Amino acid sequence: MKKKVLKFLLTLVLAAVGFFVVTFTVYMFNLDMKATSLLAPLLEKWYDRLPRKQYI
């Protein structure tokens, strides 16, 4: 029973450290905004094709 708890805690700690490393890397290299800048032209093209109802 004790081994299962320790193994679970070790897995939980490793998952938390892995999550931290990934999010820290995204933060340090500003990868979220770089991905957004790559997707912006595609999203703008899609958004410009949507029909609009404009009432003034």
N, C-alpha and C. Protein backbone atom coordinates (compact mmCIF):
# COMPACT_ATOMS: atom_id res chain seq x y z
N MET A 1 0.83 -1.20 0.00
CA MET A 1 0.00 0.00 0.00
C MET A 1 0.87 1.25 0.00
N LYS A 2 1.93 1.23 0.80
CA LYS A 2 2.80 2.38 0.89
C LYS A 2 3.54 2.64 -0.43
N LYS A 3 3.91 1.56 -1.12
CA LYS A 3 4.59 1.71 -2.40
C LYS A 3 3.68 2.34 -3.44
N LYS A 4 2.39 1.97 -3.41
CA LYS A 4 1.45 2.55 -4.37
C LYS A 4 1.29 4.04 -4.15
N VAL A 5 1.24 4.45 -2.90
CA VAL A 5 1.08 5.88 -2.59
C VAL A 5 2.33 6.64 -3.03
N LEU A 6 3.51 6.08 -2.73
CA LEU A 6 4.76 6.73 -3.13
C LEU A 6 4.89 6.81 -4.65
N LYS A 7 4.49 5.75 -5.32
CA LYS A 7 4.55 5.74 -6.79
C LYS A 7 3.59 6.79 -7.36
N PHE A 8 2.41 6.88 -6.77
CA PHE A 8 1.43 7.88 -7.21
C PHE A 8 1.95 9.29 -6.98
N LEU A 9 2.55 9.53 -5.81
CA LEU A 9 3.08 10.85 -5.51
C LEU A 9 4.25 11.20 -6.44
N LEU A 10 5.09 10.23 -6.73
CA LEU A 10 6.20 10.45 -7.65
C LEU A 10 5.68 10.80 -9.04
N THR A 11 4.67 10.08 -9.49
CA THR A 11 4.06 10.37 -10.79
C THR A 11 3.45 11.76 -10.81
N LEU A 12 2.78 12.12 -9.73
CA LEU A 12 2.16 13.44 -9.63
C LEU A 12 3.22 14.55 -9.65
N VAL A 13 4.31 14.36 -8.92
CA VAL A 13 5.38 15.36 -8.89
C VAL A 13 6.04 15.46 -10.26
N LEU A 14 6.31 14.35 -10.92
CA LEU A 14 6.91 14.39 -12.25
C LEU A 14 6.00 15.07 -13.27
N ALA A 15 4.71 14.82 -13.17
CA ALA A 15 3.76 15.47 -14.07
C ALA A 15 3.73 16.98 -13.82
N ALA A 16 3.79 17.39 -12.56
CA ALA A 16 3.78 18.81 -12.23
C ALA A 16 5.06 19.49 -12.73
N VAL A 17 6.19 18.83 -12.57
CA VAL A 17 7.46 19.39 -13.04
C VAL A 17 7.45 19.48 -14.57
N GLY A 18 6.95 18.46 -15.23
CA GLY A 18 6.86 18.49 -16.68
C GLY A 18 5.95 19.61 -17.17
N PHE A 19 4.83 19.78 -16.50
CA PHE A 19 3.90 20.86 -16.86
C PHE A 19 4.57 22.22 -16.67
N PHE A 20 5.31 22.38 -15.58
CA PHE A 20 6.01 23.63 -15.33
C PHE A 20 7.06 23.90 -16.39
N VAL A 21 7.82 22.89 -16.78
CA VAL A 21 8.86 23.07 -17.79
C VAL A 21 8.25 23.49 -19.12
N VAL A 22 7.16 22.86 -19.50
CA VAL A 22 6.52 23.21 -20.78
C VAL A 22 5.97 24.63 -20.74
N THR A 23 5.26 24.99 -19.68
CA THR A 23 4.69 26.34 -19.61
C THR A 23 5.78 27.40 -19.48
N PHE A 24 6.86 27.09 -18.77
CA PHE A 24 7.96 28.04 -18.65
C PHE A 24 8.64 28.27 -20.00
N THR A 25 8.79 27.21 -20.78
CA THR A 25 9.39 27.33 -22.10
C THR A 25 8.51 28.18 -23.02
N VAL A 26 7.21 27.95 -22.97
CA VAL A 26 6.28 28.75 -23.77
C VAL A 26 6.36 30.21 -23.36
N TYR A 27 6.45 30.47 -22.06
CA TYR A 27 6.53 31.84 -21.57
C TYR A 27 7.85 32.51 -21.99
N MET A 28 8.95 31.83 -21.82
CA MET A 28 10.27 32.44 -22.08
C MET A 28 10.47 32.76 -23.56
N PHE A 29 9.98 31.91 -24.44
CA PHE A 29 10.18 32.13 -25.87
C PHE A 29 8.97 32.78 -26.53
N ASN A 30 7.96 33.16 -25.75
CA ASN A 30 6.77 33.84 -26.26
C ASN A 30 6.10 33.03 -27.38
N LEU A 31 6.04 31.73 -27.19
CA LEU A 31 5.55 30.85 -28.25
C LEU A 31 4.06 30.99 -28.49
N ASP A 32 3.30 31.42 -27.48
CA ASP A 32 1.87 31.58 -27.69
C ASP A 32 1.57 32.70 -28.68
N MET A 33 2.29 33.80 -28.61
CA MET A 33 2.06 34.90 -29.55
C MET A 33 2.63 34.58 -30.92
N LYS A 34 3.69 33.79 -30.97
CA LYS A 34 4.23 33.39 -32.27
C LYS A 34 3.25 32.48 -33.00
N ALA A 35 2.60 31.58 -32.25
CA ALA A 35 1.59 30.71 -32.85
C ALA A 35 0.38 31.53 -33.29
N THR A 36 0.01 32.52 -32.50
CA THR A 36 -1.11 33.39 -32.87
C THR A 36 -0.81 34.17 -34.14
N SER A 37 0.42 34.65 -34.27
CA SER A 37 0.76 35.42 -35.48
C SER A 37 0.77 34.52 -36.71
N LEU A 38 1.06 33.24 -36.55
CA LEU A 38 0.99 32.32 -37.69
C LEU A 38 -0.45 32.01 -38.07
N LEU A 39 -1.33 31.94 -37.09
CA LEU A 39 -2.72 31.60 -37.35
C LEU A 39 -3.58 32.81 -37.74
N ALA A 40 -3.12 34.02 -37.47
CA ALA A 40 -3.93 35.21 -37.71
C ALA A 40 -4.39 35.35 -39.15
N PRO A 41 -3.54 35.17 -40.17
CA PRO A 41 -4.04 35.31 -41.55
C PRO A 41 -5.14 34.30 -41.89
N LEU A 42 -5.00 33.08 -41.40
CA LEU A 42 -6.04 32.08 -41.67
C LEU A 42 -7.34 32.44 -40.98
N LEU A 43 -7.26 32.90 -39.76
CA LEU A 43 -8.47 33.28 -39.02
C LEU A 43 -9.12 34.52 -39.63
N GLU A 44 -8.31 35.47 -40.07
CA GLU A 44 -8.87 36.66 -40.70
C GLU A 44 -9.58 36.33 -42.00
N LYS A 45 -9.00 35.42 -42.78
CA LYS A 45 -9.63 35.01 -44.03
C LYS A 45 -10.97 34.35 -43.76
N TRP A 46 -11.03 33.50 -42.73
CA TRP A 46 -12.27 32.83 -42.38
C TRP A 46 -13.29 33.82 -41.85
N TYR A 47 -12.85 34.74 -41.02
CA TYR A 47 -13.76 35.72 -40.43
C TYR A 47 -14.31 36.67 -41.47
N ASP A 48 -13.52 37.04 -42.46
CA ASP A 48 -13.98 37.97 -43.50
C ASP A 48 -15.03 37.34 -44.41
N ARG A 49 -15.10 36.02 -44.48
CA ARG A 49 -16.10 35.35 -45.32
C ARG A 49 -17.46 35.20 -44.64
N LEU A 50 -17.53 35.45 -43.34
CA LEU A 50 -18.80 35.28 -42.63
C LEU A 50 -19.82 36.33 -43.07
N PRO A 51 -21.05 35.90 -43.28
CA PRO A 51 -22.09 36.89 -43.62
C PRO A 51 -22.40 37.76 -42.41
N ARG A 52 -22.70 39.03 -42.68
CA ARG A 52 -22.97 39.96 -41.59
C ARG A 52 -24.34 40.57 -41.75
N LYS A 53 -24.95 40.83 -40.59
CA LYS A 53 -26.20 41.57 -40.57
C LYS A 53 -25.89 42.89 -39.91
N GLN A 54 -25.89 43.95 -40.72
CA GLN A 54 -25.58 45.26 -40.19
C GLN A 54 -26.83 46.13 -40.24
N TYR A 55 -27.25 46.52 -39.05
CA TYR A 55 -28.39 47.41 -38.95
C TYR A 55 -27.92 48.70 -38.32
N ILE A 56 -28.14 49.78 -39.05
CA ILE A 56 -27.73 51.10 -38.53
C ILE A 56 -28.95 51.92 -38.21
